[in-house]
PDB file of N, CA and C in Angstrom:
ATOM      1  N   MET A   1     106.769   3.383 -60.396  1.00  0.00           N
ATOM      2  CA  MET A   1     106.758   4.330 -59.305  1.00  0.00           C
ATOM      3  C   MET A   1     107.739   3.859 -58.256  1.00  0.00           C
ATOM      4  N   LYS A   2     108.683   4.681 -57.970  1.00  0.00           N
ATOM      5  CA  LYS A   2     109.716   4.308 -57.024  1.00  0.00           C
ATOM      6  C   LYS A   2     109.239   4.581 -55.598  1.00  0.00           C
ATOM      7  N   GLY A   3     109.397   3.596 -54.714  1.00  0.00           N
ATOM      8  CA  GLY A   3     109.059   3.748 -53.309  1.00  0.00           C
ATOM      9  C   GLY A   3     107.589   3.511 -52.990  1.00  0.00           C
ATOM     10  N   VAL A   4     106.775   3.075 -53.951  1.00  0.00           N
ATOM     11  CA  VAL A   4     105.357   2.821 -53.693  1.00  0.00           C
ATOM     12  C   VAL A   4     105.065   1.357 -53.967  1.00  0.00           C
ATOM     13  N   SER A   5     104.415   0.713 -52.989  1.00  0.00           N
ATOM     14  CA  SER A   5     104.051  -0.683 -53.146  1.00  0.00           C
ATOM     15  C   SER A   5     102.856  -0.799 -54.083  1.00  0.00           C
ATOM     16  N   LYS A   6     102.837  -1.841 -54.907  1.00  0.00           N
ATOM     17  CA  LYS A   6     101.730  -2.016 -55.842  1.00  0.00           C
ATOM     18  C   LYS A   6     100.498  -2.583 -55.154  1.00  0.00           C
ATOM     19  N   LEU A   7     100.659  -3.329 -54.052  1.00  0.00           N
ATOM     20  CA  LEU A   7      99.528  -3.974 -53.411  1.00  0.00           C
ATOM     21  C   LEU A   7      98.771  -3.035 -52.467  1.00  0.00           C
ATOM     22  N   ALA A   8      99.463  -2.379 -51.596  1.00  0.00           N
ATOM     23  CA  ALA A   8      98.796  -1.597 -50.565  1.00  0.00           C
ATOM     24  C   ALA A   8      98.791  -0.110 -50.869  1.00  0.00           C
ATOM     25  N   CYS A   9      99.479   0.357 -51.877  1.00  0.00           N
ATOM     26  CA  CYS A   9      99.561   1.759 -52.255  1.00  0.00           C
ATOM     27  C   CYS A   9     100.032   2.635 -51.107  1.00  0.00           C
ATOM     28  N   LYS A  10     100.969   2.136 -50.336  1.00  0.00           N
ATOM     29  CA  LYS A  10     101.579   2.911 -49.269  1.00  0.00           C
ATOM     30  C   LYS A  10     103.067   3.011 -49.579  1.00  0.00           C
ATOM     31  N   PRO A  11     103.694   4.102 -49.169  1.00  0.00           N
ATOM     32  CA  PRO A  11     105.140   4.197 -49.393  1.00  0.00           C
ATOM     33  C   PRO A  11     105.860   3.090 -48.643  1.00  0.00           C
ATOM     34  N   SER A  12     106.753   2.438 -49.330  1.00  0.00           N
ATOM     35  CA  SER A  12     107.501   1.366 -48.674  1.00  0.00           C
ATOM     36  C   SER A  12     108.912   1.849 -48.384  1.00  0.00           C
ATOM     37  N   SER A  13     109.420   1.424 -47.245  1.00  0.00           N
ATOM     38  CA  SER A  13     110.791   1.782 -46.897  1.00  0.00           C
ATOM     39  C   SER A  13     111.723   0.738 -47.499  1.00  0.00           C
ATOM     40  N   SER A  14     112.941   1.099 -47.630  1.00  0.00           N
ATOM     41  CA  SER A  14     113.902   0.191 -48.242  1.00  0.00           C
ATOM     42  C   SER A  14     114.277  -0.947 -47.305  1.00  0.00           C
ATOM     43  N   SER A  15     114.074  -0.758 -45.958  1.00  0.00           N
ATOM     44  CA  SER A  15     114.493  -1.785 -45.017  1.00  0.00           C
ATOM     45  C   SER A  15     113.474  -2.924 -44.893  1.00  0.00           C
ATOM     46  N   ARG A  16     112.200  -2.686 -45.197  1.00  0.00           N
ATOM     47  CA  ARG A  16     111.232  -3.771 -45.071  1.00  0.00           C
ATOM     48  C   ARG A  16     110.374  -3.841 -46.329  1.00  0.00           C
ATOM     49  N   ARG A  17     109.945  -5.041 -46.592  1.00  0.00           N
ATOM     50  CA  ARG A  17     109.119  -5.292 -47.740  1.00  0.00           C
ATOM     51  C   ARG A  17     107.650  -5.168 -47.363  1.00  0.00           C
ATOM     52  N   SER A  18     106.836  -4.611 -48.222  1.00  0.00           N
ATOM     53  CA  SER A  18     105.416  -4.503 -47.903  1.00  0.00           C
ATOM     54  C   SER A  18     104.768  -5.878 -48.057  1.00  0.00           C
ATOM     55  N   LYS A  19     103.875  -6.186 -47.141  1.00  0.00           N
ATOM     56  CA  LYS A  19     103.204  -7.480 -47.153  1.00  0.00           C
ATOM     57  C   LYS A  19     101.970  -7.385 -48.048  1.00  0.00           C
ATOM     58  N   PRO A  20     101.603  -8.480 -48.688  1.00  0.00           N
ATOM     59  CA  PRO A  20     100.362  -8.450 -49.467  1.00  0.00           C
ATOM     60  C   PRO A  20      99.154  -8.336 -48.538  1.00  0.00           C
ATOM     61  N   LEU A  21      98.037  -7.918 -49.057  1.00  0.00           N
ATOM     62  CA  LEU A  21      96.832  -7.758 -48.262  1.00  0.00           C
ATOM     63  C   LEU A  21      96.380  -9.102 -47.706  1.00  0.00           C
ATOM     64  N   ARG A  22      95.883  -9.078 -46.460  1.00  0.00           N
ATOM     65  CA  ARG A  22      95.399 -10.306 -45.835  1.00  0.00           C
ATOM     66  C   ARG A  22      94.059 -10.680 -46.428  1.00  0.00           C
ATOM     67  N   THR A  23      93.845 -11.977 -46.602  1.00  0.00           N
ATOM     68  CA  THR A  23      92.595 -12.438 -47.202  1.00  0.00           C
ATOM     69  C   THR A  23      91.713 -13.167 -46.208  1.00  0.00           C
ATOM     70  N   HIS A  24      92.080 -13.228 -44.934  1.00  0.00           N
ATOM     71  CA  HIS A  24      91.264 -13.826 -43.880  1.00  0.00           C
ATOM     72  C   HIS A  24      90.835 -15.252 -44.213  1.00  0.00           C
ATOM     73  N   GLY A  25      91.736 -16.061 -44.683  1.00  0.00           N
ATOM     74  CA  GLY A  25      91.440 -17.456 -44.939  1.00  0.00           C
ATOM     75  C   GLY A  25      90.677 -17.720 -46.223  1.00  0.00           C
ATOM     76  N   LYS A  26      90.433 -16.709 -47.024  1.00  0.00           N
ATOM     77  CA  LYS A  26      89.713 -16.880 -48.283  1.00  0.00           C
ATOM     78  C   LYS A  26      90.730 -17.193 -49.384  1.00  0.00           C
ATOM     79  N   PRO A  27      90.262 -17.632 -50.528  1.00  0.00           N
ATOM     80  CA  PRO A  27      91.194 -17.875 -51.628  1.00  0.00           C
ATOM     81  C   PRO A  27      91.998 -16.622 -51.946  1.00  0.00           C
ATOM     82  N   LYS A  28      93.236 -16.816 -52.379  1.00  0.00           N
ATOM     83  CA  LYS A  28      94.147 -15.692 -52.523  1.00  0.00           C
ATOM     84  C   LYS A  28      93.738 -14.714 -53.616  1.00  0.00           C
ATOM     85  N   GLY A  29      92.871 -15.109 -54.518  1.00  0.00           N
ATOM     86  CA  GLY A  29      92.445 -14.194 -55.567  1.00  0.00           C
ATOM     87  C   GLY A  29      91.459 -13.140 -55.074  1.00  0.00           C
ATOM     88  N   ILE A  30      90.854 -13.352 -53.902  1.00  0.00           N
ATOM     89  CA  ILE A  30      89.867 -12.412 -53.380  1.00  0.00           C
ATOM     90  C   ILE A  30      90.573 -11.395 -52.504  1.00  0.00           C
ATOM     91  N   ARG A  31      90.327 -10.137 -52.768  1.00  0.00           N
ATOM     92  CA  ARG A  31      90.948  -9.086 -51.957  1.00  0.00           C
ATOM     93  C   ARG A  31      90.135  -8.843 -50.687  1.00  0.00           C
ATOM     94  N   VAL A  32      90.762  -8.127 -49.762  1.00  0.00           N
ATOM     95  CA  VAL A  32      90.147  -7.865 -48.469  1.00  0.00           C
ATOM     96  C   VAL A  32      88.862  -7.060 -48.626  1.00  0.00           C
ATOM     97  N   CYS A  33      88.841  -6.099 -49.533  1.00  0.00           N
ATOM     98  CA  CYS A  33      87.641  -5.277 -49.675  1.00  0.00           C
ATOM     99  C   CYS A  33      86.458  -6.116 -50.145  1.00  0.00           C
ATOM    100  N   GLU A  34      86.695  -7.111 -50.974  1.00  0.00           N
ATOM    101  CA  GLU A  34      85.610  -7.980 -51.404  1.00  0.00           C
ATOM    102  C   GLU A  34      85.117  -8.850 -50.256  1.00  0.00           C
ATOM    103  N   VAL A  35      86.043  -9.302 -49.427  1.00  0.00           N
ATOM    104  CA  VAL A  35      85.674 -10.120 -48.275  1.00  0.00           C
ATOM    105  C   VAL A  35      84.857  -9.291 -47.284  1.00  0.00           C
ATOM    106  N   SER A  36      85.300  -8.067 -47.020  1.00  0.00           N
ATOM    107  CA  SER A  36      84.555  -7.234 -46.074  1.00  0.00           C
ATOM    108  C   SER A  36      83.195  -6.844 -46.654  1.00  0.00           C
ATOM    109  N   ARG A  37      83.111  -6.664 -47.964  1.00  0.00           N
ATOM    110  CA  ARG A  37      81.829  -6.361 -48.597  1.00  0.00           C
ATOM    111  C   ARG A  37      80.868  -7.538 -48.442  1.00  0.00           C
ATOM    112  N   ARG A  38      81.396  -8.750 -48.584  1.00  0.00           N
ATOM    113  CA  ARG A  38      80.556  -9.939 -48.398  1.00  0.00           C
ATOM    114  C   ARG A  38      80.097 -10.072 -46.956  1.00  0.00           C
ATOM    115  N   ARG A  39      80.999  -9.804 -46.025  1.00  0.00           N
ATOM    116  CA  ARG A  39      80.633  -9.886 -44.606  1.00  0.00           C
ATOM    117  C   ARG A  39      79.555  -8.857 -44.278  1.00  0.00           C
ATOM    118  N   ARG A  40      79.710  -7.651 -44.800  1.00  0.00           N
ATOM    119  CA  ARG A  40      78.724  -6.611 -44.568  1.00  0.00           C
ATOM    120  C   ARG A  40      77.369  -7.024 -45.148  1.00  0.00           C
ATOM    121  N   ALA A  41      77.383  -7.603 -46.354  1.00  0.00           N
ATOM    122  CA  ALA A  41      76.142  -8.069 -46.976  1.00  0.00           C
ATOM    123  C   ALA A  41      75.510  -9.189 -46.154  1.00  0.00           C
ATOM    124  N   ASP A  42      76.336 -10.071 -45.594  1.00  0.00           N
ATOM    125  CA  ASP A  42      75.807 -11.143 -44.746  1.00  0.00           C
ATOM    126  C   ASP A  42      75.156 -10.575 -43.490  1.00  0.00           C
ATOM    127  N   ARG A  43      75.790  -9.546 -42.884  1.00  0.00           N
ATOM    128  CA  ARG A  43      75.223  -8.924 -41.692  1.00  0.00           C
ATOM    129  C   ARG A  43      73.893  -8.250 -42.012  1.00  0.00           C
ATOM    130  N   VAL A  44      73.827  -7.556 -43.142  1.00  0.00           N
ATOM    131  CA  VAL A  44      72.589  -6.894 -43.539  1.00  0.00           C
ATOM    132  C   VAL A  44      71.499  -7.926 -43.796  1.00  0.00           C
ATOM    133  N   GLU A  45      71.848  -9.020 -44.459  1.00  0.00           N
ATOM    134  CA  GLU A  45      70.876 -10.063 -44.744  1.00  0.00           C
ATOM    135  C   GLU A  45      70.344 -10.685 -43.453  1.00  0.00           C
ATOM    136  N   LYS A  46      71.214 -10.873 -42.482  1.00  0.00           N
ATOM    137  CA  LYS A  46      70.797 -11.428 -41.197  1.00  0.00           C
ATOM    138  C   LYS A  46      69.845 -10.465 -40.485  1.00  0.00           C
ATOM    139  N   LYS A  47      70.128  -9.164 -40.547  1.00  0.00           N
ATOM    140  CA  LYS A  47      69.262  -8.179 -39.910  1.00  0.00           C
ATOM    141  C   LYS A  47      67.907  -8.096 -40.602  1.00  0.00           C
ATOM    142  N   VAL A  48      67.882  -8.234 -41.927  1.00  0.00           N
ATOM    143  CA  VAL A  48      66.616  -8.223 -42.664  1.00  0.00           C
ATOM    144  C   VAL A  48      65.782  -9.438 -42.285  1.00  0.00           C
ATOM    145  N   LYS A  49      66.416 -10.599 -42.157  1.00  0.00           N
ATOM    146  CA  LYS A  49      65.680 -11.800 -41.751  1.00  0.00           C
ATOM    147  C   LYS A  49      65.114 -11.640 -40.341  1.00  0.00           C
ATOM    148  N   THR A  50      65.885 -11.036 -39.450  1.00  0.00           N
ATOM    149  CA  THR A  50      65.407 -10.785 -38.096  1.00  0.00           C
ATOM    150  C   THR A  50      64.225  -9.832 -38.116  1.00  0.00           C
ATOM    151  N   LEU A  51      64.300  -8.806 -38.954  1.00  0.00           N
ATOM    152  CA  LEU A  51      63.195  -7.860 -39.076  1.00  0.00           C
ATOM    153  C   LEU A  51      61.946  -8.544 -39.608  1.00  0.00           C
ATOM    154  N   MET A  52      62.128  -9.462 -40.533  1.00  0.00           N
ATOM    155  CA  MET A  52      60.978 -10.197 -41.072  1.00  0.00           C
ATOM    156  C   MET A  52      60.302 -11.047 -40.002  1.00  0.00           C
ATOM    157  N   THR A  53      61.080 -11.546 -39.055  1.00  0.00           N
ATOM    158  CA  THR A  53      60.471 -12.340 -37.988  1.00  0.00           C
ATOM    159  C   THR A  53      59.714 -11.465 -37.003  1.00  0.00           C
ATOM    160  N   LEU A  54      60.098 -10.197 -36.877  1.00  0.00           N
ATOM    161  CA  LEU A  54      59.445  -9.312 -35.926  1.00  0.00           C
ATOM    162  C   LEU A  54      58.119  -8.764 -36.440  1.00  0.00           C
ATOM    163  N   ILE A  55      57.994  -8.607 -37.742  1.00  0.00           N
ATOM    164  CA  ILE A  55      56.788  -8.048 -38.333  1.00  0.00           C
ATOM    165  C   ILE A  55      55.793  -9.187 -38.576  1.00  0.00           C
ATOM    166  N   PRO A  56      54.559  -9.069 -38.068  1.00  0.00           N
ATOM    167  CA  PRO A  56      53.598 -10.166 -38.260  1.00  0.00           C
ATOM    168  C   PRO A  56      53.111 -10.248 -39.705  1.00  0.00           C
ATOM    169  N   ASN A  57      52.793 -11.455 -40.125  1.00  0.00           N
ATOM    170  CA  ASN A  57      52.222 -11.747 -41.447  1.00  0.00           C
ATOM    171  C   ASN A  57      53.113 -11.294 -42.603  1.00  0.00           C
ATOM    172  N   LYS A  58      54.414 -11.467 -42.485  1.00  0.00           N
ATOM    173  CA  LYS A  58      55.319 -11.123 -43.581  1.00  0.00           C
ATOM    174  C   LYS A  58      55.944 -12.404 -44.099  1.00  0.00           C
ATOM    175  N   SER A  59      55.920 -12.552 -45.424  1.00  0.00           N
ATOM    176  CA  SER A  59      56.572 -13.707 -46.036  1.00  0.00           C
ATOM    177  C   SER A  59      57.947 -13.279 -46.532  1.00  0.00           C
ATOM    178  N   SER A  60      58.772 -14.253 -46.811  1.00  0.00           N
ATOM    179  CA  SER A  60      60.138 -13.944 -47.244  1.00  0.00           C
ATOM    180  C   SER A  60      60.204 -13.527 -48.706  1.00  0.00           C
ATOM    181  N   SER A  61      59.088 -13.565 -49.416  1.00  0.00           N
ATOM    182  CA  SER A  61      59.102 -13.235 -50.832  1.00  0.00           C
ATOM    183  C   SER A  61      58.846 -11.753 -51.105  1.00  0.00           C
ATOM    184  N   THR A  62      58.689 -10.940 -50.062  1.00  0.00           N
ATOM    185  CA  THR A  62      58.430  -9.522 -50.268  1.00  0.00           C
ATOM    186  C   THR A  62      59.727  -8.777 -50.526  1.00  0.00           C
ATOM    187  N   SER A  63      59.615  -7.638 -51.185  1.00  0.00           N
ATOM    188  CA  SER A  63      60.804  -6.842 -51.482  1.00  0.00           C
ATOM    189  C   SER A  63      61.198  -6.032 -50.252  1.00  0.00           C
ATOM    190  N   LEU A  64      62.398  -5.474 -50.292  1.00  0.00           N
ATOM    191  CA  LEU A  64      62.882  -4.675 -49.172  1.00  0.00           C
ATOM    192  C   LEU A  64      62.040  -3.419 -48.998  1.00  0.00           C
ATOM    193  N   GLU A  65      61.627  -2.826 -50.096  1.00  0.00           N
ATOM    194  CA  GLU A  65      60.821  -1.605 -50.005  1.00  0.00           C
ATOM    195  C   GLU A  65      59.498  -1.884 -49.298  1.00  0.00           C
ATOM    196  N   GLU A  66      58.848  -2.988 -49.652  1.00  0.00           N
ATOM    197  CA  GLU A  66      57.606  -3.368 -48.982  1.00  0.00           C
ATOM    198  C   GLU A  66      57.852  -3.666 -47.511  1.00  0.00           C
ATOM    199  N   LEU A  67      58.958  -4.320 -47.220  1.00  0.00           N
ATOM    200  CA  LEU A  67      59.287  -4.642 -45.830  1.00  0.00           C
ATOM    201  C   LEU A  67      59.478  -3.367 -45.014  1.00  0.00           C
ATOM    202  N   TYR A  68      60.186  -2.387 -45.580  1.00  0.00           N
ATOM    203  CA  TYR A  68      60.428  -1.134 -44.851  1.00  0.00           C
ATOM    204  C   TYR A  68      59.141  -0.345 -44.647  1.00  0.00           C
ATOM    205  N   THR A  69      58.276  -0.282 -45.647  1.00  0.00           N
ATOM    206  CA  THR A  69      57.023   0.452 -45.474  1.00  0.00           C
ATOM    207  C   THR A  69      56.102  -0.267 -44.482  1.00  0.00           C
ATOM    208  N   THR A  70      56.076  -1.594 -44.533  1.00  0.00           N
ATOM    209  CA  THR A  70      55.277  -2.346 -43.573  1.00  0.00           C
ATOM    210  C   THR A  70      55.817  -2.160 -42.160  1.00  0.00           C
ATOM    211  N   THR A  71      57.125  -2.134 -42.032  1.00  0.00           N
ATOM    212  CA  THR A  71      57.739  -1.914 -40.720  1.00  0.00           C
ATOM    213  C   THR A  71      57.387  -0.534 -40.183  1.00  0.00           C
ATOM    214  N   ALA A  72      57.437   0.472 -41.046  1.00  0.00           N
ATOM    215  CA  ALA A  72      57.095   1.830 -40.611  1.00  0.00           C
ATOM    216  C   ALA A  72      55.635   1.901 -40.159  1.00  0.00           C
ATOM    217  N   CYS A  73      54.731   1.265 -40.913  1.00  0.00           N
ATOM    218  CA  CYS A  73      53.312   1.245 -40.526  1.00  0.00           C
ATOM    219  C   CYS A  73      53.111   0.491 -39.220  1.00  0.00           C
ATOM    220  N   TYR A  74      53.830  -0.596 -39.045  1.00  0.00           N
ATOM    221  CA  TYR A  74      53.705  -1.393 -37.828  1.00  0.00           C
ATOM    222  C   TYR A  74      54.201  -0.618 -36.613  1.00  0.00           C
ATOM    223  N   ILE A  75      55.305   0.100 -36.770  1.00  0.00           N
ATOM    224  CA  ILE A  75      55.827   0.919 -35.665  1.00  0.00           C
ATOM    225  C   ILE A  75      54.833   2.006 -35.306  1.00  0.00           C
ATOM    226  N   THR A  76      54.231   2.631 -36.316  1.00  0.00           N
ATOM    227  CA  THR A  76      53.231   3.662 -36.068  1.00  0.00           C
ATOM    228  C   THR A  76      52.028   3.090 -35.320  1.00  0.00           C
ATOM    229  N   SER A  77      51.569   1.901 -35.721  1.00  0.00           N
ATOM    230  CA  SER A  77      50.430   1.300 -35.033  1.00  0.00           C
ATOM    231  C   SER A  77      50.784   0.929 -33.593  1.00  0.00           C
ATOM    232  N   LEU A  78      52.013   0.480 -33.363  1.00  0.00           N
ATOM    233  CA  LEU A  78      52.440   0.184 -31.990  1.00  0.00           C
ATOM    234  C   LEU A  78      52.479   1.448 -31.141  1.00  0.00           C
ATOM    235  N   GLU A  79      52.959   2.562 -31.727  1.00  0.00           N
ATOM    236  CA  GLU A  79      52.967   3.831 -30.994  1.00  0.00           C
ATOM    237  C   GLU A  79      51.549   4.247 -30.616  1.00  0.00           C
ATOM    238  N   MET A  80      50.602   4.078 -31.543  1.00  0.00           N
ATOM    239  CA  MET A  80      49.209   4.431 -31.245  1.00  0.00           C
ATOM    240  C   MET A  80      48.650   3.544 -30.141  1.00  0.00           C
ATOM    241  N   ARG A  81      48.971   2.265 -30.154  1.00  0.00           N
ATOM    242  CA  ARG A  81      48.506   1.365 -29.097  1.00  0.00           C
ATOM    243  C   ARG A  81      49.035   1.798 -27.735  1.00  0.00           C
ATOM    244  N   VAL A  82      50.306   2.188 -27.699  1.00  0.00           N
ATOM    245  CA  VAL A  82      50.904   2.627 -26.439  1.00  0.00           C
ATOM    246  C   VAL A  82      50.216   3.897 -25.950  1.00  0.00           C
ATOM    247  N   ARG A  83      49.955   4.846 -26.856  1.00  0.00           N
ATOM    248  CA  ARG A  83      49.266   6.083 -26.465  1.00  0.00           C
ATOM    249  C   ARG A  83      47.870   5.783 -25.927  1.00  0.00           C
ATOM    250  N   ILE A  84      47.151   4.879 -26.567  1.00  0.00           N
ATOM    251  CA  ILE A  84      45.804   4.529 -26.106  1.00  0.00           C
ATOM    252  C   ILE A  84      45.870   3.899 -24.726  1.00  0.00           C
ATOM    253  N   MET A  85      46.815   2.982 -24.517  1.00  0.00           N
ATOM    254  CA  MET A  85      46.939   2.341 -23.204  1.00  0.00           C
ATOM    255  C   MET A  85      47.319   3.356 -22.132  1.00  0.00           C
ATOM    256  N   MET A  86      48.203   4.304 -22.475  1.00  0.00           N
ATOM    257  CA  MET A  86      48.586   5.320 -21.492  1.00  0.00           C
ATOM    258  C   MET A  86      47.401   6.216 -21.136  1.00  0.00           C
ATOM    259  N   SER A  87      46.581   6.567 -22.130  1.00  0.00           N
ATOM    260  CA  SER A  87      45.414   7.403 -21.832  1.00  0.00           C
ATOM    261  C   SER A  87      44.397   6.622 -20.990  1.00  0.00           C
ATOM    262  N   LEU A  88      44.240   5.321 -21.251  1.00  0.00           N
ATOM    263  CA  LEU A  88      43.354   4.500 -20.412  1.00  0.00           C
ATOM    264  C   LEU A  88      43.862   4.425 -18.971  1.00  0.00           C
ATOM    265  N   ILE A  89      45.157   4.279 -18.825  1.00  0.00           N
ATOM    266  CA  ILE A  89      45.737   4.225 -17.478  1.00  0.00           C
ATOM    267  C   ILE A  89      45.511   5.549 -16.763  1.00  0.00           C
ATOM    268  N   ASP A  90      45.702   6.670 -17.473  1.00  0.00           N
ATOM    269  CA  ASP A  90      45.465   7.972 -16.847  1.00  0.00           C
ATOM    270  C   ASP A  90      44.002   8.121 -16.437  1.00  0.00           C
ATOM    271  N   ALA A  91      43.079   7.698 -17.309  1.00  0.00           N
ATOM    272  CA  ALA A  91      41.654   7.801 -16.990  1.00  0.00           C
ATOM    273  C   ALA A  91      41.295   6.916 -15.798  1.00  0.00           C
ATOM    274  N   LEU A  92      41.814   5.686 -15.803  1.00  0.00           N
ATOM    275  CA  LEU A  92      41.522   4.773 -14.690  1.00  0.00           C
ATOM    276  C   LEU A  92      42.160   5.248 -13.391  1.00  0.00           C
ATOM    277  N   HIS A  93      43.340   5.869 -13.509  1.00  0.00           N
ATOM    278  CA  HIS A  93      44.004   6.384 -12.317  1.00  0.00           C
ATOM    279  C   HIS A  93      43.166   7.493 -11.700  1.00  0.00           C
ATOM    280  N   GLY A  94      42.623   8.375 -12.541  1.00  0.00           N
ATOM    281  CA  GLY A  94      41.767   9.444 -12.025  1.00  0.00           C
ATOM    282  C   GLY A  94      40.510   8.887 -11.391  1.00  0.00           C
ATOM    283  N   ALA A  95      39.875   7.913 -12.049  1.00  0.00           N
ATOM    284  CA  ALA A  95      38.658   7.307 -11.502  1.00  0.00           C
ATOM    285  C   ALA A  95      38.965   6.558 -10.218  1.00  0.00           C
ATOM    286  N   LEU A  96      40.085   5.885 -10.165  1.00  0.00           N
ATOM    287  CA  LEU A  96      40.470   5.153  -8.961  1.00  0.00           C
ATOM    288  C   LEU A  96      40.706   6.112  -7.804  1.00  0.00           C
ATOM    289  N   PHE A  97      41.324   7.247  -8.082  1.00  0.00           N
ATOM    290  CA  PHE A  97      41.572   8.237  -7.037  1.00  0.00           C
ATOM    291  C   PHE A  97      40.252   8.760  -6.471  1.00  0.00           C
ATOM    292  N   VAL A  98      39.282   9.025  -7.362  1.00  0.00           N
ATOM    293  CA  VAL A  98      37.974   9.497  -6.913  1.00  0.00           C
ATOM    294  C   VAL A  98      37.288   8.423  -6.072  1.00  0.00           C
ATOM    295  N   CYS A  99      37.344   7.165  -6.520  1.00  0.00           N
ATOM    296  CA  CYS A  99      36.720   6.073  -5.759  1.00  0.00           C
ATOM    297  C   CYS A  99      37.376   5.900  -4.404  1.00  0.00           C
ATOM    298  N   LEU A 100      38.681   5.984  -4.345  1.00  0.00           N
ATOM    299  CA  LEU A 100      39.361   5.820  -3.058  1.00  0.00           C
ATOM    300  C   LEU A 100      39.001   6.946  -2.101  1.00  0.00           C
ATOM    301  N   ARG A 101      38.887   8.151  -2.605  1.00  0.00           N
ATOM    302  CA  ARG A 101      38.491   9.262  -1.739  1.00  0.00           C
ATOM    303  C   ARG A 101      37.076   9.039  -1.204  1.00  0.00           C
ATOM    304  N   PHE A 102      36.192   8.556  -2.071  1.00  0.00           N
ATOM    305  CA  PHE A 102      34.818   8.296  -1.650  1.00  0.00           C
ATOM    306  C   PHE A 102      34.767   7.210  -0.579  1.00  0.00           C
ATOM    307  N   TYR A 103      35.493   6.099  -0.807  1.00  0.00           N
ATOM    308  CA  TYR A 103      35.496   5.013   0.178  1.00  0.00           C
ATOM    309  C   TYR A 103      36.163   5.436   1.480  1.00  0.00           C
ATOM    310  N   TRP A 104      37.167   6.276   1.403  1.00  0.00           N
ATOM    311  CA  TRP A 104      37.810   6.774   2.616  1.00  0.00           C
ATOM    312  C   TRP A 104      36.818   7.647   3.404  1.00  0.00           C
ATOM    313  N   PHE A 105      36.058   8.446   2.679  1.00  0.00           N
ATOM    314  CA  PHE A 105      35.029   9.266   3.331  1.00  0.00           C
ATOM    315  C   PHE A 105      33.999   8.380   4.020  1.00  0.00           C
ATOM    316  N   LEU A 106      33.516   7.308   3.334  1.00  0.00           N
ATOM    317  CA  LEU A 106      32.558   6.398   3.942  1.00  0.00           C
ATOM    318  C   LEU A 106      33.146   5.688   5.157  1.00  0.00           C
ATOM    319  N   TYR A 107      34.392   5.291   5.052  1.00  0.00           N
ATOM    320  CA  TYR A 107      35.060   4.624   6.167  1.00  0.00           C
ATOM    321  C   TYR A 107      35.102   5.551   7.377  1.00  0.00           C
ATOM    322  N   LEU A 108      35.500   6.781   7.137  1.00  0.00           N
ATOM    323  CA  LEU A 108      35.566   7.733   8.253  1.00  0.00           C
ATOM    324  C   LEU A 108      34.167   8.031   8.797  1.00  0.00           C
ATOM    325  N   TRP A 109      33.175   8.065   7.949  1.00  0.00           N
ATOM    326  CA  TRP A 109      31.811   8.368   8.368  1.00  0.00           C
ATOM    327  C   TRP A 109      31.236   7.268   9.274  1.00  0.00           C
ATOM    328  N   PHE A 110      31.457   5.992   8.838  1.00  0.00           N
ATOM    329  CA  PHE A 110      30.861   4.900   9.596  1.00  0.00           C
ATOM    330  C   PHE A 110      31.706   4.397  10.760  1.00  0.00           C
ATOM    331  N   PHE A 111      32.996   4.467  10.645  1.00  0.00           N
ATOM    332  CA  PHE A 111      33.853   3.852  11.656  1.00  0.00           C
ATOM    333  C   PHE A 111      34.592   4.846  12.534  1.00  0.00           C
ATOM    334  N   SER A 112      34.278   6.099  12.408  1.00  0.00           N
ATOM    335  CA  SER A 112      34.925   7.061  13.304  1.00  0.00           C
ATOM    336  C   SER A 112      34.247   7.001  14.664  1.00  0.00           C
ATOM    337  N   PRO A 113      35.016   7.169  15.724  1.00  0.00           N
ATOM    338  CA  PRO A 113      34.411   7.107  17.052  1.00  0.00           C
ATOM    339  C   PRO A 113      33.478   8.312  17.276  1.00  0.00           C
ATOM    340  N   PRO A 114      32.403   8.094  17.969  1.00  0.00           N
ATOM    341  CA  PRO A 114      31.484   9.225  18.220  1.00  0.00           C
ATOM    342  C   PRO A 114      32.135  10.259  19.139  1.00  0.00           C
ATOM    343  N   THR A 115      31.862  11.481  18.889  1.00  0.00           N
ATOM    344  CA  THR A 115      32.430  12.525  19.749  1.00  0.00           C
ATOM    345  C   THR A 115      31.395  13.199  20.593  1.00  0.00           C
TER     346      THR A 115
END
């Protein structure tokens, strides 16, 4: 093929030579796509390990599918806990408001100056 580089598959001009693909310090037999695939796999593995530390009672011997389903269940249980706490706060806020009104009434009743 005339005018096409074999390494990068881009048209090459006659004035400059196409450079071989960069290997980022890896052995020259490894192409860039393999290096980036390894880096991506390393990043995913690091994120999975981090996820395992966040989920309670998980061992490293579980499969990814089990980890994802356990994570989904754990997130759901956390959402339910938050909803329960919010409803308790709303209930206590209402009760506190009623108590404060009652105590304010008593305060005004006993400590108001006689007229």
